[in-house]
Structures are given as C-alpha cells and as structure tokens.
C-alpha cells in the first residue's frame, strides 16, 4: 500500500512536534527525590550450636533495635523489663552469649555493623555455626569479622554460589558482595 505524498509530510511534522512537547514537559519534582534512607537498625541473632535436621544451627532468638547492639541482643533473648505480673522473664542473660560474627554494610568494615551473631555454646570449633540472613541483610552485607576462634566462613550467595573465605574479610568478592544468604562460620 502506498501512502499519498500529501499526507506523509504533515503526519511526520505532527509526530515530531508531539515528541518535542513530551521531551520538553517538566519532570515532577517527586520523581527526582532519592529513595528514603532506612533508620539505623542494629540486629542480633542467638544460635544454638547443635545443628538441626536441616543442618542449620537452631535460632534461639532474633531481634533488631534502633538503639544499640546490646539492646538488640537483649531483645533477641526476650528480656523485658517491668512485664505484666511483676517482672522480667527468666532467660539466660545476654552476657552469657558469645559474639561469633559481625556483618558490615560496606567493604573494609565501613557503614557500621548491620548484623551480629551470638552462640550459646562459646566460640567456634571445627563445626561452628550455620547462620541464615534476613533477606534485607543478605542484600546489604559487604564485609565481616569473626570473633572467638571464628576465623573461616563458608558463604552461600542469594544465587546459590559457594566459597570459603578467611576472617576477617574486608571484601567478600563480586559473587557475595550484597548477596550473602547463608554462611557457616567455624575454626580452621
């Protein structure tokens, strides 16, 4: 089918004019705002040493706090002050827990600690502890430090890749930076 010449030029001019109007349209100011920055959160998890049937360390408690790591640990233990009925619940005190690993937001331990893992049976041995990150944390971890004989970590990425690194690890590598779903921290 052939289009008459008298229609092609006015149609092309109209299309170009419409493109110019769209390109010159002002952008709404809301579209240029940066994404909101989440409030600082300190998160802690307390793990049992003996793995369950799935091979993971049992999760004894997990909590986050806007105030401090100590508060997050206390919350993960279920400690409450002035609970109804006259007092706090009787649980192991946070001081009885052993710090195993801290995950940092940025490479070279920058950006602050975003997650701390504690063990209920002391530091690491050859078995260690199997840890699982919250999804939001898994997508934010860039470096980590081990404590109390936790000098090695076996990582599993959000895409299922695996690698073993020595601790401390100032950079997790391209496959694990902002992609640490699970990890086994142990003494090697």
N, C-alpha and C. Protein backbone atom coordinates (compact mmCIF):
# COMPACT_ATOMS: atom_id res chain seq x y z
N UNK A 1 0.85 -1.17 0.00
CA UNK A 1 0.00 0.00 0.00
C UNK A 1 0.89 1.23 0.00
N UNK A 2 0.52 2.16 -0.82
CA UNK A 2 1.30 3.37 -0.97
C UNK A 2 0.56 4.52 -0.31
N UNK A 3 1.29 5.32 0.51
CA UNK A 3 0.68 6.46 1.20
C UNK A 3 0.90 7.69 0.33
N UNK A 4 -0.17 8.46 0.11
CA UNK A 4 -0.04 9.67 -0.71
C UNK A 4 0.95 10.65 -0.09
N UNK A 5 1.71 11.33 -0.95
CA UNK A 5 2.73 12.27 -0.52
C UNK A 5 2.16 13.43 0.29
N UNK A 6 1.04 13.85 0.04
CA UNK A 6 0.43 14.98 0.73
C UNK A 6 0.11 14.68 2.19
N UNK A 7 0.03 13.42 2.56
CA UNK A 7 -0.27 13.03 3.94
C UNK A 7 1.00 12.77 4.73
N UNK A 8 2.06 12.30 4.12
CA UNK A 8 3.29 11.92 4.81
C UNK A 8 3.94 13.10 5.51
N UNK A 9 4.13 14.22 4.84
CA UNK A 9 4.81 15.37 5.43
C UNK A 9 4.05 15.94 6.62
N UNK A 10 2.73 16.20 6.56
CA UNK A 10 2.03 16.72 7.73
C UNK A 10 2.00 15.72 8.89
N UNK A 11 1.91 14.44 8.60
CA UNK A 11 1.89 13.42 9.66
C UNK A 11 3.25 13.37 10.36
N UNK A 12 4.32 13.40 9.60
CA UNK A 12 5.66 13.40 10.19
C UNK A 12 5.90 14.65 11.02
N UNK A 13 5.45 15.79 10.56
CA UNK A 13 5.61 17.05 11.32
C UNK A 13 4.83 16.98 12.62
N UNK A 14 3.64 16.43 12.59
CA UNK A 14 2.83 16.32 13.81
C UNK A 14 3.49 15.39 14.81
N UNK A 15 4.05 14.28 14.36
CA UNK A 15 4.73 13.34 15.26
C UNK A 15 5.96 13.98 15.89
N UNK A 16 6.75 14.70 15.09
CA UNK A 16 7.92 15.37 15.63
C UNK A 16 7.54 16.45 16.63
N UNK A 17 6.48 17.16 16.39
CA UNK A 17 6.02 18.19 17.32
C UNK A 17 5.59 17.55 18.63
N UNK A 18 4.90 16.41 18.55
CA UNK A 18 4.46 15.71 19.76
C UNK A 18 5.65 15.22 20.57
N UNK A 19 6.68 14.70 19.89
CA UNK A 19 7.89 14.27 20.58
C UNK A 19 8.54 15.45 21.27
N UNK A 20 8.60 16.60 20.65
CA UNK A 20 9.18 17.80 21.25
C UNK A 20 8.42 18.24 22.48
N UNK A 21 7.09 18.16 22.46
CA UNK A 21 6.28 18.54 23.62
C UNK A 21 6.54 17.59 24.78
N UNK A 22 6.60 16.29 24.50
CA UNK A 22 6.85 15.31 25.55
C UNK A 22 8.24 15.50 26.13
N UNK A 23 9.23 15.74 25.29
CA UNK A 23 10.60 15.92 25.78
C UNK A 23 10.75 17.19 26.58
N UNK A 24 9.99 18.22 26.25
CA UNK A 24 10.11 19.49 26.95
C UNK A 24 9.20 19.56 28.18
N UNK A 25 8.36 18.58 28.39
CA UNK A 25 7.45 18.60 29.55
C UNK A 25 8.26 18.59 30.83
N UNK A 26 7.88 19.40 31.82
CA UNK A 26 8.64 19.43 33.07
C UNK A 26 8.50 18.12 33.83
N UNK A 27 9.59 17.70 34.47
CA UNK A 27 9.58 16.49 35.29
C UNK A 27 9.04 16.86 36.66
N UNK A 28 8.15 16.04 37.17
CA UNK A 28 7.61 16.30 38.51
C UNK A 28 8.74 16.23 39.53
N UNK A 29 8.70 17.09 40.50
CA UNK A 29 9.78 17.12 41.50
C UNK A 29 9.83 15.83 42.30
N UNK A 30 8.71 15.14 42.46
CA UNK A 30 8.69 13.89 43.21
C UNK A 30 9.51 12.81 42.54
N UNK A 31 9.64 12.86 41.25
CA UNK A 31 10.39 11.84 40.53
C UNK A 31 11.89 11.97 40.76
N UNK A 32 12.36 13.14 41.20
CA UNK A 32 13.78 13.35 41.40
C UNK A 32 14.23 13.11 42.84
N UNK A 33 13.30 12.84 43.73
CA UNK A 33 13.68 12.62 45.13
C UNK A 33 14.40 11.29 45.28
N UNK A 34 15.42 11.25 46.11
CA UNK A 34 16.11 9.97 46.34
C UNK A 34 15.21 9.04 47.16
N UNK A 35 15.52 7.77 47.08
CA UNK A 35 14.78 6.80 47.88
C UNK A 35 15.02 7.09 49.35
N UNK A 36 14.04 6.82 50.21
CA UNK A 36 14.23 7.10 51.63
C UNK A 36 15.33 6.21 52.21
N UNK A 37 16.12 6.78 53.09
CA UNK A 37 17.18 6.03 53.76
C UNK A 37 16.58 5.42 55.02
N UNK A 38 16.68 4.10 55.16
CA UNK A 38 16.09 3.48 56.35
C UNK A 38 16.81 3.93 57.61
N UNK A 39 16.07 3.93 58.72
CA UNK A 39 16.68 4.25 60.00
C UNK A 39 17.74 3.21 60.32
N UNK A 40 18.73 3.61 61.11
CA UNK A 40 19.78 2.70 61.53
C UNK A 40 19.14 1.61 62.39
N UNK A 41 19.46 0.39 62.09
CA UNK A 41 18.98 -0.74 62.86
C UNK A 41 20.17 -1.59 63.28
N UNK A 42 20.16 -2.04 64.51
CA UNK A 42 21.15 -2.99 64.99
C UNK A 42 20.40 -4.30 65.18
N UNK A 43 20.89 -5.36 64.57
CA UNK A 43 20.21 -6.64 64.64
C UNK A 43 21.13 -7.69 65.24
N UNK A 44 20.54 -8.62 66.01
CA UNK A 44 21.30 -9.70 66.64
C UNK A 44 20.50 -10.98 66.57
N UNK A 45 21.21 -12.09 66.44
CA UNK A 45 20.60 -13.41 66.48
C UNK A 45 21.42 -14.27 67.43
N UNK A 46 20.74 -15.11 68.19
CA UNK A 46 21.38 -16.05 69.10
C UNK A 46 21.11 -17.45 68.54
N UNK A 47 22.19 -18.21 68.38
CA UNK A 47 22.10 -19.53 67.76
C UNK A 47 22.55 -20.62 68.69
N UNK A 48 21.90 -21.78 68.58
CA UNK A 48 22.35 -22.97 69.28
C UNK A 48 23.48 -23.61 68.49
N UNK A 49 24.31 -24.37 69.16
CA UNK A 49 25.47 -24.96 68.49
C UNK A 49 25.14 -26.25 67.75
N UNK A 50 24.28 -27.09 68.31
CA UNK A 50 23.97 -28.38 67.70
C UNK A 50 23.01 -28.17 66.53
N UNK A 51 23.42 -28.55 65.31
CA UNK A 51 22.56 -28.32 64.16
C UNK A 51 21.31 -29.19 64.19
N UNK A 52 20.25 -28.66 63.58
CA UNK A 52 19.00 -29.39 63.47
C UNK A 52 19.06 -30.37 62.30
N UNK A 53 17.93 -31.00 62.00
CA UNK A 53 17.85 -31.98 60.92
C UNK A 53 18.20 -31.36 59.56
N UNK A 54 17.94 -30.06 59.42
CA UNK A 54 18.23 -29.37 58.16
C UNK A 54 19.69 -28.92 58.04
N UNK A 55 20.50 -29.18 59.08
CA UNK A 55 21.91 -28.81 59.07
C UNK A 55 22.18 -27.40 59.57
N UNK A 56 21.13 -26.66 59.88
CA UNK A 56 21.29 -25.29 60.36
C UNK A 56 21.30 -25.25 61.88
N UNK A 57 22.02 -24.26 62.41
CA UNK A 57 22.01 -24.05 63.85
C UNK A 57 20.63 -23.54 64.26
N UNK A 58 20.10 -24.05 65.36
CA UNK A 58 18.77 -23.59 65.77
C UNK A 58 18.79 -22.12 66.18
N UNK A 59 17.80 -21.40 65.76
CA UNK A 59 17.67 -19.99 66.09
C UNK A 59 16.98 -19.88 67.45
N UNK A 60 17.69 -19.36 68.43
CA UNK A 60 17.14 -19.22 69.78
C UNK A 60 16.48 -17.87 70.00
N UNK A 61 16.83 -16.91 69.19
CA UNK A 61 16.25 -15.58 69.29
C UNK A 61 16.82 -14.66 68.24
N UNK A 62 16.01 -13.70 67.82
CA UNK A 62 16.44 -12.74 66.79
C UNK A 62 15.65 -11.47 67.01
N UNK A 63 16.33 -10.34 66.95
CA UNK A 63 15.64 -9.05 67.12
C UNK A 63 16.50 -7.92 66.59
N UNK A 64 15.85 -6.81 66.33
CA UNK A 64 16.54 -5.59 65.92
C UNK A 64 16.16 -4.47 66.86
N UNK A 65 17.02 -3.47 66.94
CA UNK A 65 16.79 -2.32 67.80
C UNK A 65 17.31 -1.07 67.11
N UNK A 66 16.61 0.05 67.25
CA UNK A 66 17.14 1.29 66.71
C UNK A 66 18.20 1.91 67.62
N UNK A 67 18.39 1.36 68.84
CA UNK A 67 19.25 1.97 69.84
C UNK A 67 20.68 1.47 69.86
N UNK A 68 20.89 0.14 69.97
CA UNK A 68 22.24 -0.38 70.11
C UNK A 68 22.26 -1.88 69.86
N UNK A 69 23.49 -2.41 69.69
CA UNK A 69 23.64 -3.87 69.55
C UNK A 69 23.28 -4.57 70.84
N UNK A 70 23.64 -3.97 71.99
CA UNK A 70 23.30 -4.57 73.28
C UNK A 70 21.79 -4.67 73.44
N UNK A 71 21.06 -3.65 73.02
CA UNK A 71 19.61 -3.68 73.10
C UNK A 71 19.04 -4.74 72.16
N UNK A 72 19.61 -4.87 70.97
CA UNK A 72 19.15 -5.90 70.04
C UNK A 72 19.37 -7.29 70.63
N UNK A 73 20.53 -7.51 71.27
CA UNK A 73 20.80 -8.79 71.90
C UNK A 73 19.81 -9.06 73.03
N UNK A 74 19.58 -8.05 73.86
CA UNK A 74 18.61 -8.21 74.95
C UNK A 74 17.22 -8.54 74.41
N UNK A 75 16.82 -7.87 73.35
CA UNK A 75 15.50 -8.15 72.74
C UNK A 75 15.46 -9.55 72.15
N UNK A 76 16.57 -9.99 71.56
CA UNK A 76 16.59 -11.34 70.98
C UNK A 76 16.48 -12.41 72.05
N UNK A 77 16.91 -12.08 73.26
CA UNK A 77 16.81 -13.01 74.38
C UNK A 77 15.42 -13.01 74.99
N UNK A 78 14.58 -12.06 74.59
CA UNK A 78 13.24 -11.98 75.15
C UNK A 78 13.20 -11.32 76.51
N UNK A 79 14.25 -10.61 76.87
CA UNK A 79 14.28 -9.93 78.16
C UNK A 79 13.37 -8.73 78.11
N UNK A 80 12.46 -8.64 79.04
CA UNK A 80 11.58 -7.49 79.12
C UNK A 80 11.61 -6.94 80.53
N UNK A 81 11.64 -5.65 80.64
CA UNK A 81 11.64 -5.03 81.96
C UNK A 81 10.23 -4.63 82.32
N UNK A 82 9.87 -4.90 83.57
CA UNK A 82 8.56 -4.49 84.07
C UNK A 82 7.41 -5.18 83.35
N UNK A 83 7.57 -6.43 82.99
CA UNK A 83 6.50 -7.15 82.31
C UNK A 83 5.31 -7.29 83.24
N UNK A 84 4.13 -7.41 82.67
CA UNK A 84 2.92 -7.57 83.47
C UNK A 84 3.09 -8.79 84.37
N UNK A 85 2.66 -8.67 85.59
CA UNK A 85 2.80 -9.77 86.52
C UNK A 85 4.00 -9.59 87.42
N UNK A 86 4.72 -8.46 87.28
CA UNK A 86 5.71 -8.14 88.28
C UNK A 86 7.16 -8.31 87.92
N UNK A 87 7.55 -8.65 86.70
CA UNK A 87 8.98 -8.73 86.46
C UNK A 87 9.33 -9.23 85.09
N UNK A 88 10.62 -9.37 84.89
CA UNK A 88 11.13 -9.84 83.60
C UNK A 88 11.06 -11.35 83.52
N UNK A 89 10.99 -11.85 82.29
CA UNK A 89 11.00 -13.28 82.07
C UNK A 89 12.36 -13.84 82.45
N UNK A 90 12.39 -15.04 82.97
CA UNK A 90 13.65 -15.66 83.35
C UNK A 90 14.26 -16.34 82.13
N UNK A 91 15.31 -15.75 81.59
CA UNK A 91 16.04 -16.32 80.46
C UNK A 91 17.52 -16.12 80.70
N UNK A 92 18.34 -16.78 79.90
CA UNK A 92 19.77 -16.58 80.01
C UNK A 92 20.10 -15.12 79.74
N UNK A 93 21.04 -14.60 80.47
CA UNK A 93 21.41 -13.20 80.29
C UNK A 93 22.24 -13.05 79.02
N UNK A 94 22.10 -11.92 78.30
CA UNK A 94 22.88 -11.69 77.09
C UNK A 94 24.38 -11.80 77.30
N UNK A 95 24.88 -11.48 78.49
CA UNK A 95 26.31 -11.56 78.75
C UNK A 95 26.82 -13.00 78.64
N UNK A 96 25.93 -14.00 78.76
CA UNK A 96 26.32 -15.40 78.65
C UNK A 96 26.55 -15.82 77.20
N UNK A 97 26.18 -15.00 76.27
CA UNK A 97 26.31 -15.32 74.85
C UNK A 97 27.69 -14.91 74.34
N UNK A 98 28.17 -15.63 73.33
CA UNK A 98 29.48 -15.36 72.77
C UNK A 98 29.33 -14.77 71.38
N UNK A 99 29.94 -13.63 71.14
CA UNK A 99 29.92 -13.00 69.82
C UNK A 99 30.71 -13.86 68.84
N UNK A 100 30.05 -14.23 67.74
CA UNK A 100 30.68 -15.07 66.72
C UNK A 100 31.09 -14.28 65.48
N UNK A 101 30.19 -13.43 65.00
CA UNK A 101 30.40 -12.78 63.72
C UNK A 101 29.64 -11.46 63.66
N UNK A 102 30.27 -10.47 63.03
CA UNK A 102 29.59 -9.21 62.75
C UNK A 102 29.65 -8.96 61.25
N UNK A 103 28.51 -8.60 60.68
CA UNK A 103 28.42 -8.29 59.26
C UNK A 103 28.33 -6.78 59.10
N UNK A 104 29.10 -6.25 58.16
CA UNK A 104 29.17 -4.81 57.93
C UNK A 104 28.51 -4.44 56.61
N UNK A 105 27.96 -3.26 56.58
CA UNK A 105 27.25 -2.77 55.41
C UNK A 105 28.18 -2.52 54.22
N UNK A 106 29.35 -1.98 54.47
CA UNK A 106 30.26 -1.60 53.38
C UNK A 106 31.55 -2.41 53.44
N UNK A 107 32.32 -2.36 52.36
CA UNK A 107 33.62 -3.02 52.32
C UNK A 107 34.54 -2.38 53.35
N UNK A 108 35.56 -3.14 53.72
CA UNK A 108 36.54 -2.70 54.71
C UNK A 108 35.90 -2.26 56.02
N UNK A 109 34.82 -2.94 56.41
CA UNK A 109 34.16 -2.77 57.71
C UNK A 109 33.56 -1.38 57.89
N UNK A 110 33.15 -0.78 56.80
CA UNK A 110 32.53 0.53 56.85
C UNK A 110 31.01 0.43 56.92
N UNK A 111 30.39 1.55 57.14
CA UNK A 111 28.93 1.62 57.14
C UNK A 111 28.28 1.08 58.39
N UNK A 112 29.06 0.59 59.32
CA UNK A 112 28.52 0.09 60.58
C UNK A 112 28.13 -1.38 60.51
N UNK A 113 28.03 -1.97 61.70
CA UNK A 113 27.62 -3.36 61.83
C UNK A 113 26.12 -3.43 61.60
N UNK A 114 25.70 -4.28 60.67
CA UNK A 114 24.27 -4.40 60.41
C UNK A 114 23.68 -5.67 61.02
N UNK A 115 24.54 -6.63 61.37
CA UNK A 115 24.03 -7.85 62.00
C UNK A 115 25.12 -8.47 62.84
N UNK A 116 24.75 -8.92 64.04
CA UNK A 116 25.68 -9.60 64.94
C UNK A 116 25.10 -10.96 65.28
N UNK A 117 25.94 -12.00 65.21
CA UNK A 117 25.51 -13.35 65.55
C UNK A 117 26.22 -13.79 66.83
N UNK A 118 25.47 -14.39 67.74
CA UNK A 118 25.97 -14.87 69.02
C UNK A 118 25.70 -16.36 69.14
N UNK A 119 26.60 -17.08 69.82
CA UNK A 119 26.41 -18.51 70.04
C UNK A 119 26.10 -18.79 71.49
N UNK A 120 25.39 -19.89 71.73
CA UNK A 120 25.03 -20.26 73.09
C UNK A 120 26.02 -21.24 73.71
N UNK A 121 27.04 -21.68 72.94
CA UNK A 121 27.97 -22.68 73.46
C UNK A 121 29.42 -22.24 73.25
N UNK A 122 29.68 -20.96 73.43
CA UNK A 122 31.03 -20.47 73.27
C UNK A 122 31.36 -20.17 71.83
N UNK A 123 32.66 -19.98 71.56
CA UNK A 123 33.12 -19.62 70.24
C UNK A 123 33.07 -20.77 69.25
N UNK A 124 33.79 -20.60 68.16
CA UNK A 124 33.75 -21.58 67.08
C UNK A 124 34.70 -22.74 67.32
N UNK A 125 34.29 -23.90 66.85
CA UNK A 125 35.13 -25.08 66.74
C UNK A 125 35.14 -25.47 65.26
N UNK A 126 35.56 -26.69 64.94
CA UNK A 126 35.62 -27.12 63.55
C UNK A 126 34.24 -27.22 62.91
N UNK A 127 33.20 -27.42 63.70
CA UNK A 127 31.82 -27.48 63.19
C UNK A 127 31.25 -26.08 63.04
N UNK A 128 31.44 -25.27 64.05
CA UNK A 128 30.96 -23.89 64.02
C UNK A 128 29.45 -23.76 64.07
N UNK A 129 28.97 -22.70 63.46
CA UNK A 129 27.54 -22.37 63.47
C UNK A 129 27.10 -22.08 62.05
N UNK A 130 25.91 -22.54 61.71
CA UNK A 130 25.33 -22.27 60.39
C UNK A 130 24.33 -21.14 60.55
N UNK A 131 24.56 -20.03 59.87
CA UNK A 131 23.77 -18.81 60.02
C UNK A 131 22.98 -18.52 58.75
N UNK A 132 21.80 -17.94 58.93
CA UNK A 132 20.97 -17.54 57.79
C UNK A 132 20.61 -16.08 57.98
N UNK A 133 20.81 -15.27 56.94
CA UNK A 133 20.50 -13.84 57.00
C UNK A 133 19.05 -13.57 56.64
N UNK A 134 18.51 -12.50 57.23
CA UNK A 134 17.27 -11.93 56.72
C UNK A 134 17.53 -11.53 55.28
N UNK A 135 16.51 -11.51 54.44
CA UNK A 135 16.68 -11.16 53.04
C UNK A 135 17.26 -9.76 52.90
N UNK A 136 16.77 -8.79 53.69
CA UNK A 136 17.25 -7.41 53.61
C UNK A 136 18.73 -7.34 53.99
N UNK A 137 19.14 -8.14 54.98
CA UNK A 137 20.54 -8.15 55.40
C UNK A 137 21.38 -8.84 54.33
N UNK A 138 20.88 -9.93 53.77
CA UNK A 138 21.61 -10.66 52.73
C UNK A 138 21.98 -9.75 51.57
N UNK A 139 21.14 -8.78 51.27
CA UNK A 139 21.38 -7.87 50.16
C UNK A 139 22.17 -6.63 50.57
N UNK A 140 22.72 -6.63 51.79
CA UNK A 140 23.45 -5.46 52.28
C UNK A 140 24.84 -5.76 52.81
N UNK A 141 25.22 -7.01 52.97
CA UNK A 141 26.49 -7.37 53.59
C UNK A 141 27.63 -7.23 52.59
N UNK A 142 28.68 -6.50 53.00
CA UNK A 142 29.85 -6.32 52.14
C UNK A 142 31.16 -6.75 52.77
N UNK A 143 31.20 -6.87 54.09
CA UNK A 143 32.40 -7.34 54.78
C UNK A 143 31.98 -7.95 56.12
N UNK A 144 32.89 -8.71 56.76
CA UNK A 144 32.55 -9.34 58.04
C UNK A 144 33.80 -9.66 58.84
N UNK A 145 33.59 -9.74 60.16
CA UNK A 145 34.66 -10.10 61.09
C UNK A 145 34.17 -11.23 61.97
N UNK A 146 35.07 -12.19 62.23
CA UNK A 146 34.77 -13.27 63.14
C UNK A 146 35.44 -13.05 64.48
N UNK A 147 34.87 -13.62 65.53
CA UNK A 147 35.39 -13.48 66.89
C UNK A 147 35.39 -14.84 67.58
N UNK A 148 36.16 -14.98 68.63
CA UNK A 148 36.21 -16.18 69.47
C UNK A 148 36.44 -17.44 68.64
N UNK A 149 37.58 -17.47 67.97
CA UNK A 149 38.04 -18.60 67.16
C UNK A 149 37.24 -18.81 65.87
N UNK A 150 36.38 -17.89 65.51
CA UNK A 150 35.65 -17.98 64.23
C UNK A 150 36.52 -17.29 63.17
N UNK A 151 37.40 -18.07 62.53
CA UNK A 151 38.36 -17.48 61.60
C UNK A 151 38.13 -17.87 60.14
N UNK A 152 37.07 -18.61 59.86
CA UNK A 152 36.76 -19.04 58.50
C UNK A 152 35.26 -19.01 58.30
N UNK A 153 34.85 -18.69 57.07
CA UNK A 153 33.42 -18.66 56.77
C UNK A 153 33.19 -19.30 55.40
N UNK A 154 32.18 -20.13 55.34
CA UNK A 154 31.73 -20.71 54.06
C UNK A 154 30.45 -19.98 53.69
N UNK A 155 30.47 -19.29 52.55
CA UNK A 155 29.35 -18.45 52.13
C UNK A 155 28.51 -19.14 51.07
N UNK A 156 27.21 -18.86 51.11
CA UNK A 156 26.29 -19.24 50.05
C UNK A 156 25.58 -17.97 49.63
N UNK A 157 25.65 -17.65 48.34
CA UNK A 157 25.05 -16.40 47.85
C UNK A 157 23.56 -16.57 47.63
N UNK A 158 22.91 -15.46 47.37
CA UNK A 158 21.48 -15.48 47.08
C UNK A 158 21.20 -16.21 45.77
N UNK A 159 22.23 -16.42 44.94
CA UNK A 159 22.08 -17.15 43.68
C UNK A 159 22.62 -18.58 43.77
N UNK A 160 22.97 -19.02 44.99
CA UNK A 160 23.41 -20.39 45.19
C UNK A 160 24.89 -20.65 44.99
N UNK A 161 25.69 -19.62 44.76
CA UNK A 161 27.14 -19.81 44.62
C UNK A 161 27.73 -20.02 46.00
N UNK A 162 28.87 -20.73 46.08
CA UNK A 162 29.52 -21.01 47.36
C UNK A 162 31.01 -20.71 47.28
N UNK A 163 31.56 -20.28 48.43
CA UNK A 163 33.00 -20.04 48.54
C UNK A 163 33.38 -20.04 50.02
N UNK A 164 34.64 -20.31 50.31
CA UNK A 164 35.16 -20.28 51.68
C UNK A 164 36.21 -19.18 51.77
N UNK A 165 36.08 -18.32 52.78
CA UNK A 165 36.99 -17.19 52.98
C UNK A 165 37.54 -17.21 54.39
N UNK A 166 38.73 -16.64 54.56
CA UNK A 166 39.27 -16.41 55.89
C UNK A 166 38.66 -15.16 56.49
N UNK A 167 38.58 -15.12 57.81
CA UNK A 167 38.05 -13.95 58.52
C UNK A 167 39.17 -13.28 59.28
N UNK A 168 39.18 -11.98 59.34
CA UNK A 168 38.19 -11.05 58.82
C UNK A 168 38.26 -10.96 57.29
N UNK A 169 37.14 -10.58 56.68
CA UNK A 169 37.05 -10.43 55.23
C UNK A 169 36.57 -9.02 54.92
N UNK A 170 37.49 -8.17 54.47
CA UNK A 170 37.18 -6.78 54.16
C UNK A 170 36.38 -6.60 52.88
N UNK A 171 36.40 -7.61 52.03
CA UNK A 171 35.61 -7.61 50.80
C UNK A 171 35.24 -9.05 50.50
N UNK A 172 34.00 -9.30 50.19
CA UNK A 172 33.52 -10.66 50.00
C UNK A 172 33.61 -11.15 48.57
N UNK A 173 34.03 -10.30 47.66
CA UNK A 173 34.14 -10.68 46.26
C UNK A 173 32.86 -10.37 45.50
N UNK A 174 32.94 -10.37 44.18
CA UNK A 174 31.80 -9.94 43.36
C UNK A 174 30.57 -10.85 43.49
N UNK A 175 30.77 -12.12 43.78
CA UNK A 175 29.62 -13.03 43.88
C UNK A 175 28.89 -12.92 45.22
N UNK A 176 29.53 -12.33 46.24
CA UNK A 176 28.94 -12.31 47.57
C UNK A 176 28.71 -10.92 48.13
N UNK A 177 29.27 -9.90 47.50
CA UNK A 177 29.03 -8.53 47.97
C UNK A 177 27.54 -8.22 47.79
N UNK A 178 26.88 -7.89 48.88
CA UNK A 178 25.44 -7.63 48.89
C UNK A 178 24.64 -8.84 48.41
N UNK A 179 25.11 -10.05 48.74
CA UNK A 179 24.41 -11.25 48.30
C UNK A 179 24.71 -12.46 49.18
N UNK A 180 24.81 -12.29 50.52
CA UNK A 180 25.13 -13.39 51.43
C UNK A 180 23.85 -13.91 52.06
N UNK A 181 23.37 -15.03 51.58
CA UNK A 181 22.13 -15.61 52.13
C UNK A 181 22.41 -16.50 53.34
N UNK A 182 23.39 -17.39 53.24
CA UNK A 182 23.72 -18.29 54.34
C UNK A 182 25.23 -18.35 54.52
N UNK A 183 25.66 -18.70 55.74
CA UNK A 183 27.07 -18.86 55.99
C UNK A 183 27.31 -19.82 57.13
N UNK A 184 28.41 -20.52 57.04
CA UNK A 184 28.86 -21.43 58.09
C UNK A 184 30.15 -20.82 58.62
N UNK A 185 30.14 -20.37 59.88
CA UNK A 185 31.32 -19.77 60.48
C UNK A 185 31.94 -20.82 61.40
N UNK A 186 33.28 -21.01 61.28
CA UNK A 186 33.92 -22.08 62.05
C UNK A 186 35.39 -21.77 62.26
N UNK A 187 36.07 -22.64 63.02
CA UNK A 187 37.51 -22.51 63.28
C UNK A 187 38.24 -23.49 62.36
N UNK A 188 39.22 -22.95 61.64
CA UNK A 188 40.00 -23.78 60.73
C UNK A 188 41.44 -23.77 61.18
